[in-house]
């Protein structure tokens, strides 16, 4: 007589049962990835949003420049508002 087939629990939960222990069905390379949030800034005069990833190359601010690192004499590329007229974008 052949051995009985193992019983599988298909109700979810990330494990299969049948041999008296749980076996993970997630790949060994599965890793937790944490997202980081970048701070965007909005011009209170016109609504332009400064994205540090994009910078303002035409205004002399290369991509990757944090808002705090922009020179104080920089201005909004859309309406010309001062840097002081920007606030954190939520």
PDB file of N, CA and C in Angstrom:
ATOM      1  N   UNK A   1       0.847  -1.172   0.000  1.00  0.00           N
ATOM      2  CA  UNK A   1       0.000   0.000   0.000  1.00  0.00           C
ATOM      3  C   UNK A   1       0.899   1.243   0.000  1.00  0.00           C
ATOM      4  N   UNK A   2       0.649   2.233  -0.896  1.00  0.00           N
ATOM      5  CA  UNK A   2       1.490   3.431  -0.945  1.00  0.00           C
ATOM      6  C   UNK A   2       1.264   4.313   0.279  1.00  0.00           C
ATOM      7  N   UNK A   3       2.298   5.129   0.596  1.00  0.00           N
ATOM      8  CA  UNK A   3       2.194   6.063   1.726  1.00  0.00           C
ATOM      9  C   UNK A   3       1.161   7.135   1.388  1.00  0.00           C
ATOM     10  N   UNK A   4       0.422   7.591   2.381  1.00  0.00           N
ATOM     11  CA  UNK A   4      -0.583   8.618   2.115  1.00  0.00           C
ATOM     12  C   UNK A   4       0.091   9.929   1.676  1.00  0.00           C
ATOM     13  N   UNK A   5      -0.583  10.639   0.795  1.00  0.00           N
ATOM     14  CA  UNK A   5      -0.063  11.928   0.324  1.00  0.00           C
ATOM     15  C   UNK A   5      -0.092  12.928   1.472  1.00  0.00           C
ATOM     16  N   UNK A   6       0.893  13.820   1.513  1.00  0.00           N
ATOM     17  CA  UNK A   6       0.908  14.819   2.592  1.00  0.00           C
ATOM     18  C   UNK A   6      -0.299  15.747   2.486  1.00  0.00           C
ATOM     19  N   UNK A   7      -0.772  16.198   3.615  1.00  0.00           N
ATOM     20  CA  UNK A   7      -1.893  17.125   3.667  1.00  0.00           C
ATOM     21  C   UNK A   7      -1.353  18.549   3.593  1.00  0.00           C
ATOM     22  N   UNK A   8      -1.950  19.382   2.764  1.00  0.00           N
ATOM     23  CA  UNK A   8      -1.516  20.773   2.644  1.00  0.00           C
ATOM     24  C   UNK A   8      -2.626  21.693   3.118  1.00  0.00           C
ATOM     25  N   UNK A   9      -2.250  22.660   3.880  1.00  0.00           N
ATOM     26  CA  UNK A   9      -3.180  23.663   4.363  1.00  0.00           C
ATOM     27  C   UNK A   9      -3.110  24.845   3.409  1.00  0.00           C
ATOM     28  N   UNK A  10      -4.160  25.096   2.634  1.00  0.00           N
ATOM     29  CA  UNK A  10      -4.163  26.168   1.641  1.00  0.00           C
ATOM     30  C   UNK A  10      -4.926  27.389   2.115  1.00  0.00           C
ATOM     31  N   UNK A  11      -5.021  27.572   3.408  1.00  0.00           N
ATOM     32  CA  UNK A  11      -5.759  28.722   3.938  1.00  0.00           C
ATOM     33  C   UNK A  11      -4.892  29.964   4.027  1.00  0.00           C
ATOM     34  N   UNK A  12      -3.687  29.944   3.539  1.00  0.00           N
ATOM     35  CA  UNK A  12      -2.813  31.121   3.596  1.00  0.00           C
ATOM     36  C   UNK A  12      -1.928  31.071   4.821  1.00  0.00           C
ATOM     37  N   UNK A  13      -1.319  32.184   5.112  1.00  0.00           N
ATOM     38  CA  UNK A  13      -0.468  32.273   6.292  1.00  0.00           C
ATOM     39  C   UNK A  13       0.997  32.105   5.978  1.00  0.00           C
ATOM     40  N   UNK A  14       1.368  31.848   4.721  1.00  0.00           N
ATOM     41  CA  UNK A  14       2.775  31.808   4.347  1.00  0.00           C
ATOM     42  C   UNK A  14       3.483  30.509   4.665  1.00  0.00           C
ATOM     43  N   UNK A  15       2.785  29.461   5.078  1.00  0.00           N
ATOM     44  CA  UNK A  15       3.448  28.197   5.389  1.00  0.00           C
ATOM     45  C   UNK A  15       2.574  27.042   4.925  1.00  0.00           C
ATOM     46  N   UNK A  16       3.218  25.935   4.653  1.00  0.00           N
ATOM     47  CA  UNK A  16       2.499  24.706   4.295  1.00  0.00           C
ATOM     48  C   UNK A  16       2.750  23.692   5.397  1.00  0.00           C
ATOM     49  N   UNK A  17       1.719  22.963   5.708  1.00  0.00           N
ATOM     50  CA  UNK A  17       1.833  21.979   6.774  1.00  0.00           C
ATOM     51  C   UNK A  17       1.560  20.590   6.207  1.00  0.00           C
ATOM     52  N   UNK A  18       1.958  19.575   6.916  1.00  0.00           N
ATOM     53  CA  UNK A  18       1.667  18.230   6.462  1.00  0.00           C
ATOM     54  C   UNK A  18       2.637  17.217   7.020  1.00  0.00           C
ATOM     55  N   UNK A  19       3.799  17.654   7.431  1.00  0.00           N
ATOM     56  CA  UNK A  19       4.798  16.736   7.960  1.00  0.00           C
ATOM     57  C   UNK A  19       5.120  17.041   9.418  1.00  0.00           C
ATOM     58  N   UNK A  20       4.214  17.738  10.092  1.00  0.00           N
ATOM     59  CA  UNK A  20       4.435  18.017  11.501  1.00  0.00           C
ATOM     60  C   UNK A  20       5.218  19.295  11.750  1.00  0.00           C
ATOM     61  N   UNK A  21       5.605  20.017  10.691  1.00  0.00           N
ATOM     62  CA  UNK A  21       6.305  21.280  10.867  1.00  0.00           C
ATOM     63  C   UNK A  21       5.925  22.229   9.728  1.00  0.00           C
ATOM     64  N   UNK A  22       6.115  23.496   9.959  1.00  0.00           N
ATOM     65  CA  UNK A  22       5.779  24.496   8.939  1.00  0.00           C
ATOM     66  C   UNK A  22       6.969  24.682   8.000  1.00  0.00           C
ATOM     67  N   UNK A  23       6.678  24.830   6.732  1.00  0.00           N
ATOM     68  CA  UNK A  23       7.705  25.073   5.725  1.00  0.00           C
ATOM     69  C   UNK A  23       7.372  26.407   5.062  1.00  0.00           C
ATOM     70  N   UNK A  24       8.300  27.338   5.101  1.00  0.00           N
ATOM     71  CA  UNK A  24       8.056  28.657   4.520  1.00  0.00           C
ATOM     72  C   UNK A  24       7.933  28.559   3.011  1.00  0.00           C
ATOM     73  N   UNK A  25       6.981  29.302   2.442  1.00  0.00           N
ATOM     74  CA  UNK A  25       6.829  29.352   0.996  1.00  0.00           C
ATOM     75  C   UNK A  25       7.411  30.643   0.423  1.00  0.00           C
ATOM     76  N   UNK A  26       7.986  31.503   1.285  1.00  0.00           N
ATOM     77  CA  UNK A  26       8.623  32.720   0.818  1.00  0.00           C
ATOM     78  C   UNK A  26      10.052  32.405   0.384  1.00  0.00           C
ATOM     79  N   UNK A  27      10.542  33.009  -0.689  1.00  0.00           N
ATOM     80  CA  UNK A  27      11.916  32.740  -1.123  1.00  0.00           C
ATOM     81  C   UNK A  27      12.921  33.193  -0.070  1.00  0.00           C
ATOM     82  N   UNK A  28      14.061  32.524  -0.043  1.00  0.00           N
ATOM     83  CA  UNK A  28      15.093  32.868   0.927  1.00  0.00           C
ATOM     84  C   UNK A  28      15.611  34.284   0.724  1.00  0.00           C
ATOM     85  N   UNK A  29      15.506  34.815  -0.491  1.00  0.00           N
ATOM     86  CA  UNK A  29      16.022  36.156  -0.769  1.00  0.00           C
ATOM     87  C   UNK A  29      15.043  37.254  -0.369  1.00  0.00           C
ATOM     88  N   UNK A  30      13.880  36.885   0.187  1.00  0.00           N
ATOM     89  CA  UNK A  30      12.891  37.877   0.595  1.00  0.00           C
ATOM     90  C   UNK A  30      13.483  38.738   1.699  1.00  0.00           C
ATOM     91  N   UNK A  31      13.484  40.056   1.497  1.00  0.00           N
ATOM     92  CA  UNK A  31      14.030  40.964   2.494  1.00  0.00           C
ATOM     93  C   UNK A  31      13.049  42.093   2.727  1.00  0.00           C
ATOM     94  N   UNK A  32      13.029  42.590   3.917  1.00  0.00           N
ATOM     95  CA  UNK A  32      12.183  43.739   4.236  1.00  0.00           C
ATOM     96  C   UNK A  32      12.818  44.987   3.645  1.00  0.00           C
ATOM     97  N   UNK A  33      12.016  45.756   2.933  1.00  0.00           N
ATOM     98  CA  UNK A  33      12.496  46.985   2.326  1.00  0.00           C
ATOM     99  C   UNK A  33      11.771  48.141   2.988  1.00  0.00           C
ATOM    100  N   UNK A  34      12.535  49.104   3.484  1.00  0.00           N
ATOM    101  CA  UNK A  34      11.932  50.259   4.118  1.00  0.00           C
ATOM    102  C   UNK A  34      12.008  51.444   3.174  1.00  0.00           C
ATOM    103  N   UNK A  35      10.899  52.130   3.018  1.00  0.00           N
ATOM    104  CA  UNK A  35      10.850  53.295   2.142  1.00  0.00           C
ATOM    105  C   UNK A  35      11.263  54.541   2.915  1.00  0.00           C
ATOM    106  N   UNK A  36      11.953  55.412   2.238  1.00  0.00           N
ATOM    107  CA  UNK A  36      12.295  56.684   2.828  1.00  0.00           C
ATOM    108  C   UNK A  36      11.455  57.762   2.151  1.00  0.00           C
ATOM    109  N   UNK A  37      11.096  58.740   2.911  1.00  0.00           N
ATOM    110  CA  UNK A  37      10.269  59.806   2.385  1.00  0.00           C
ATOM    111  C   UNK A  37      11.138  61.041   2.188  1.00  0.00           C
ATOM    112  N   UNK A  38      11.109  61.594   0.984  1.00  0.00           N
ATOM    113  CA  UNK A  38      11.857  62.815   0.731  1.00  0.00           C
ATOM    114  C   UNK A  38      10.940  64.001   0.981  1.00  0.00           C
ATOM    115  N   UNK A  39      11.522  65.116   1.338  1.00  0.00           N
ATOM    116  CA  UNK A  39      10.735  66.316   1.608  1.00  0.00           C
ATOM    117  C   UNK A  39      10.617  67.149   0.342  1.00  0.00           C
ATOM    118  N   UNK A  40       9.389  67.387  -0.066  1.00  0.00           N
ATOM    119  CA  UNK A  40       9.104  68.282  -1.177  1.00  0.00           C
ATOM    120  C   UNK A  40       8.759  69.648  -0.593  1.00  0.00           C
ATOM    121  N   UNK A  41       8.927  70.687  -1.402  1.00  0.00           N
ATOM    122  CA  UNK A  41       8.628  72.058  -0.979  1.00  0.00           C
ATOM    123  C   UNK A  41       7.713  72.697  -2.000  1.00  0.00           C
ATOM    124  N   UNK A  42       6.740  73.497  -1.534  1.00  0.00           N
ATOM    125  CA  UNK A  42       5.788  74.130  -2.436  1.00  0.00           C
ATOM    126  C   UNK A  42       5.901  75.656  -2.338  1.00  0.00           C
ATOM    127  N   UNK A  43       5.833  76.289  -3.480  1.00  0.00           N
ATOM    128  CA  UNK A  43       5.831  77.741  -3.546  1.00  0.00           C
ATOM    129  C   UNK A  43       4.437  78.217  -3.150  1.00  0.00           C
ATOM    130  N   UNK A  44       4.370  79.071  -2.133  1.00  0.00           N
ATOM    131  CA  UNK A  44       3.070  79.545  -1.666  1.00  0.00           C
ATOM    132  C   UNK A  44       2.468  80.582  -2.605  1.00  0.00           C
ATOM    133  N   UNK A  45       3.258  81.066  -3.553  1.00  0.00           N
ATOM    134  CA  UNK A  45       2.736  82.051  -4.496  1.00  0.00           C
ATOM    135  C   UNK A  45       2.053  81.410  -5.696  1.00  0.00           C
ATOM    136  N   UNK A  46       2.670  80.336  -6.243  1.00  0.00           N
ATOM    137  CA  UNK A  46       2.126  79.765  -7.485  1.00  0.00           C
ATOM    138  C   UNK A  46       1.834  78.275  -7.420  1.00  0.00           C
ATOM    139  N   UNK A  47       2.302  77.584  -6.380  1.00  0.00           N
ATOM    140  CA  UNK A  47       2.043  76.157  -6.261  1.00  0.00           C
ATOM    141  C   UNK A  47       3.109  75.260  -6.881  1.00  0.00           C
ATOM    142  N   UNK A  48       4.197  75.847  -7.408  1.00  0.00           N
ATOM    143  CA  UNK A  48       5.291  75.030  -7.940  1.00  0.00           C
ATOM    144  C   UNK A  48       5.853  74.170  -6.816  1.00  0.00           C
ATOM    145  N   UNK A  49       6.130  72.897  -7.111  1.00  0.00           N
ATOM    146  CA  UNK A  49       6.675  71.982  -6.110  1.00  0.00           C
ATOM    147  C   UNK A  49       8.130  71.693  -6.442  1.00  0.00           C
ATOM    148  N   UNK A  50       9.015  72.007  -5.479  1.00  0.00           N
ATOM    149  CA  UNK A  50      10.435  71.706  -5.638  1.00  0.00           C
ATOM    150  C   UNK A  50      10.675  70.274  -5.186  1.00  0.00           C
ATOM    151  N   UNK A  51      11.241  69.469  -6.094  1.00  0.00           N
ATOM    152  CA  UNK A  51      11.579  68.075  -5.821  1.00  0.00           C
ATOM    153  C   UNK A  51      13.100  67.963  -5.811  1.00  0.00           C
ATOM    154  N   UNK A  52      13.692  67.588  -4.672  1.00  0.00           N
ATOM    155  CA  UNK A  52      15.153  67.494  -4.597  1.00  0.00           C
ATOM    156  C   UNK A  52      15.757  66.540  -5.629  1.00  0.00           C
ATOM    157  N   UNK A  53      15.017  65.500  -6.021  1.00  0.00           N
ATOM    158  CA  UNK A  53      15.537  64.561  -7.018  1.00  0.00           C
ATOM    159  C   UNK A  53      15.714  65.236  -8.378  1.00  0.00           C
ATOM    160  N   UNK A  54      14.873  66.231  -8.662  1.00  0.00           N
ATOM    161  CA  UNK A  54      14.945  66.927  -9.949  1.00  0.00           C
ATOM    162  C   UNK A  54      15.793  68.188  -9.883  1.00  0.00           C
ATOM    163  N   UNK A  55      15.829  68.835  -8.714  1.00  0.00           N
ATOM    164  CA  UNK A  55      16.554  70.084  -8.578  1.00  0.00           C
ATOM    165  C   UNK A  55      15.944  71.156  -9.470  1.00  0.00           C
ATOM    166  N   UNK A  56      16.762  72.134  -9.844  1.00  0.00           N
ATOM    167  CA  UNK A  56      16.366  73.187 -10.784  1.00  0.00           C
ATOM    168  C   UNK A  56      17.593  73.508 -11.626  1.00  0.00           C
ATOM    169  N   UNK A  57      17.956  72.612 -12.565  1.00  0.00           N
ATOM    170  CA  UNK A  57      19.179  72.810 -13.344  1.00  0.00           C
ATOM    171  C   UNK A  57      19.233  74.163 -14.056  1.00  0.00           C
ATOM    172  N   UNK A  58      18.092  74.655 -14.562  1.00  0.00           N
ATOM    173  CA  UNK A  58      18.095  75.957 -15.238  1.00  0.00           C
ATOM    174  C   UNK A  58      18.371  77.093 -14.259  1.00  0.00           C
ATOM    175  N   UNK A  59      18.075  76.887 -12.987  1.00  0.00           N
ATOM    176  CA  UNK A  59      18.321  77.895 -11.964  1.00  0.00           C
ATOM    177  C   UNK A  59      19.615  77.673 -11.206  1.00  0.00           C
ATOM    178  N   UNK A  60      20.453  76.739 -11.690  1.00  0.00           N
ATOM    179  CA  UNK A  60      21.743  76.495 -11.056  1.00  0.00           C
ATOM    180  C   UNK A  60      21.713  75.534  -9.891  1.00  0.00           C
ATOM    181  N   UNK A  61      20.623  74.790  -9.731  1.00  0.00           N
ATOM    182  CA  UNK A  61      20.498  73.828  -8.627  1.00  0.00           C
ATOM    183  C   UNK A  61      20.469  72.430  -9.232  1.00  0.00           C
ATOM    184  N   UNK A  62      21.571  71.673  -9.079  1.00  0.00           N
ATOM    185  CA  UNK A  62      21.627  70.343  -9.697  1.00  0.00           C
ATOM    186  C   UNK A  62      20.684  69.342  -9.029  1.00  0.00           C
ATOM    187  N   UNK A  63      20.270  68.306  -9.780  1.00  0.00           N
ATOM    188  CA  UNK A  63      19.450  67.244  -9.193  1.00  0.00           C
ATOM    189  C   UNK A  63      20.139  66.652  -7.966  1.00  0.00           C
ATOM    190  N   UNK A  64      19.345  66.303  -6.980  1.00  0.00           N
ATOM    191  CA  UNK A  64      19.884  65.719  -5.751  1.00  0.00           C
ATOM    192  C   UNK A  64      20.185  66.756  -4.675  1.00  0.00           C
ATOM    193  N   UNK A  65      19.836  68.019  -4.915  1.00  0.00           N
ATOM    194  CA  UNK A  65      20.111  69.081  -3.944  1.00  0.00           C
ATOM    195  C   UNK A  65      18.931  69.242  -2.985  1.00  0.00           C
ATOM    196  N   UNK A  66      19.211  69.071  -1.689  1.00  0.00           N
ATOM    197  CA  UNK A  66      18.178  69.278  -0.666  1.00  0.00           C
ATOM    198  C   UNK A  66      17.793  70.753  -0.646  1.00  0.00           C
ATOM    199  N   UNK A  67      16.553  71.035  -0.302  1.00  0.00           N
ATOM    200  CA  UNK A  67      16.069  72.412  -0.290  1.00  0.00           C
ATOM    201  C   UNK A  67      16.925  73.293   0.623  1.00  0.00           C
ATOM    202  N   UNK A  68      17.317  72.761   1.771  1.00  0.00           N
ATOM    203  CA  UNK A  68      18.135  73.533   2.718  1.00  0.00           C
ATOM    204  C   UNK A  68      19.494  73.914   2.141  1.00  0.00           C
ATOM    205  N   UNK A  69      19.958  73.184   1.135  1.00  0.00           N
ATOM    206  CA  UNK A  69      21.270  73.450   0.533  1.00  0.00           C
ATOM    207  C   UNK A  69      21.205  74.405  -0.657  1.00  0.00           C
ATOM    208  N   UNK A  70      20.008  74.849  -1.013  1.00  0.00           N
ATOM    209  CA  UNK A  70      19.861  75.807  -2.115  1.00  0.00           C
ATOM    210  C   UNK A  70      20.303  77.183  -1.610  1.00  0.00           C
ATOM    211  N   UNK A  71      21.045  77.938  -2.420  1.00  0.00           N
ATOM    212  CA  UNK A  71      21.459  79.285  -1.996  1.00  0.00           C
ATOM    213  C   UNK A  71      20.253  80.178  -1.676  1.00  0.00           C
ATOM    214  N   UNK A  72      20.432  81.090  -0.757  1.00  0.00           N
ATOM    215  CA  UNK A  72      19.359  81.974  -0.313  1.00  0.00           C
ATOM    216  C   UNK A  72      18.828  82.905  -1.387  1.00  0.00           C
ATOM    217  N   UNK A  73      19.624  83.151  -2.439  1.00  0.00           N
ATOM    218  CA  UNK A  73      19.158  84.060  -3.490  1.00  0.00           C
ATOM    219  C   UNK A  73      18.440  83.321  -4.628  1.00  0.00           C
ATOM    220  N   UNK A  74      18.205  82.027  -4.481  1.00  0.00           N
ATOM    221  CA  UNK A  74      17.468  81.248  -5.478  1.00  0.00           C
ATOM    222  C   UNK A  74      16.018  81.698  -5.470  1.00  0.00           C
ATOM    223  N   UNK A  75      15.343  81.597  -6.585  1.00  0.00           N
ATOM    224  CA  UNK A  75      13.942  81.992  -6.683  1.00  0.00           C
ATOM    225  C   UNK A  75      13.148  80.944  -7.449  1.00  0.00           C
ATOM    226  N   UNK A  76      11.839  80.970  -7.308  1.00  0.00           N
ATOM    227  CA  UNK A  76      10.938  80.021  -7.960  1.00  0.00           C
ATOM    228  C   UNK A  76      11.087  80.135  -9.474  1.00  0.00           C
ATOM    229  N   UNK A  77      11.296  79.008 -10.151  1.00  0.00           N
ATOM    230  CA  UNK A  77      11.471  79.059 -11.604  1.00  0.00           C
ATOM    231  C   UNK A  77      10.187  79.390 -12.371  1.00  0.00           C
ATOM    232  N   UNK A  78       9.041  79.350 -11.701  1.00  0.00           N
ATOM    233  CA  UNK A  78       7.774  79.629 -12.372  1.00  0.00           C
ATOM    234  C   UNK A  78       7.354  81.089 -12.195  1.00  0.00           C
ATOM    235  N   UNK A  79       7.355  81.554 -10.929  1.00  0.00           N
ATOM    236  CA  UNK A  79       6.808  82.896 -10.674  1.00  0.00           C
ATOM    237  C   UNK A  79       7.828  83.898 -10.143  1.00  0.00           C
ATOM    238  N   UNK A  80       9.038  83.425  -9.803  1.00  0.00           N
ATOM    239  CA  UNK A  80      10.068  84.344  -9.310  1.00  0.00           C
ATOM    240  C   UNK A  80      10.002  84.622  -7.819  1.00  0.00           C
ATOM    241  N   UNK A  81       9.149  83.903  -7.072  1.00  0.00           N
ATOM    242  CA  UNK A  81       9.065  84.103  -5.623  1.00  0.00           C
ATOM    243  C   UNK A  81      10.389  83.711  -4.964  1.00  0.00           C
ATOM    244  N   UNK A  82      10.640  84.304  -3.797  1.00  0.00           N
ATOM    245  CA  UNK A  82      11.874  84.026  -3.057  1.00  0.00           C
ATOM    246  C   UNK A  82      11.851  82.625  -2.436  1.00  0.00           C
ATOM    247  N   UNK A  83      13.014  82.134  -2.105  1.00  0.00           N
ATOM    248  CA  UNK A  83      13.125  80.835  -1.427  1.00  0.00           C
ATOM    249  C   UNK A  83      12.328  80.857  -0.122  1.00  0.00           C
ATOM    250  N   UNK A  84      12.288  81.994   0.536  1.00  0.00           N
ATOM    251  CA  UNK A  84      11.552  82.127   1.794  1.00  0.00           C
ATOM    252  C   UNK A  84      10.046  81.960   1.620  1.00  0.00           C
ATOM    253  N   UNK A  85       9.567  82.041   0.376  1.00  0.00           N
ATOM    254  CA  UNK A  85       8.134  81.871   0.103  1.00  0.00           C
ATOM    255  C   UNK A  85       7.733  80.410  -0.118  1.00  0.00           C
ATOM    256  N   UNK A  86       8.648  79.483   0.110  1.00  0.00           N
ATOM    257  CA  UNK A  86       8.362  78.045   0.012  1.00  0.00           C
ATOM    258  C   UNK A  86       8.124  77.491   1.398  1.00  0.00           C
ATOM    259  N   UNK A  87       7.278  76.468   1.457  1.00  0.00           N
ATOM    260  CA  UNK A  87       7.056  75.768   2.726  1.00  0.00           C
ATOM    261  C   UNK A  87       7.028  74.271   2.453  1.00  0.00           C
ATOM    262  N   UNK A  88       7.264  73.468   3.487  1.00  0.00           N
ATOM    263  CA  UNK A  88       7.236  72.001   3.275  1.00  0.00           C
ATOM    264  C   UNK A  88       5.897  71.568   2.708  1.00  0.00           C
ATOM    265  N   UNK A  89       5.958  70.675   1.737  1.00  0.00           N
ATOM    266  CA  UNK A  89       4.747  70.142   1.099  1.00  0.00           C
ATOM    267  C   UNK A  89       4.377  68.845   1.785  1.00  0.00           C
ATOM    268  N   UNK A  90       3.199  68.803   2.363  1.00  0.00           N
ATOM    269  CA  UNK A  90       2.754  67.607   3.093  1.00  0.00           C
ATOM    270  C   UNK A  90       2.036  66.657   2.178  1.00  0.00           C
TER     271      UNK A  90
END
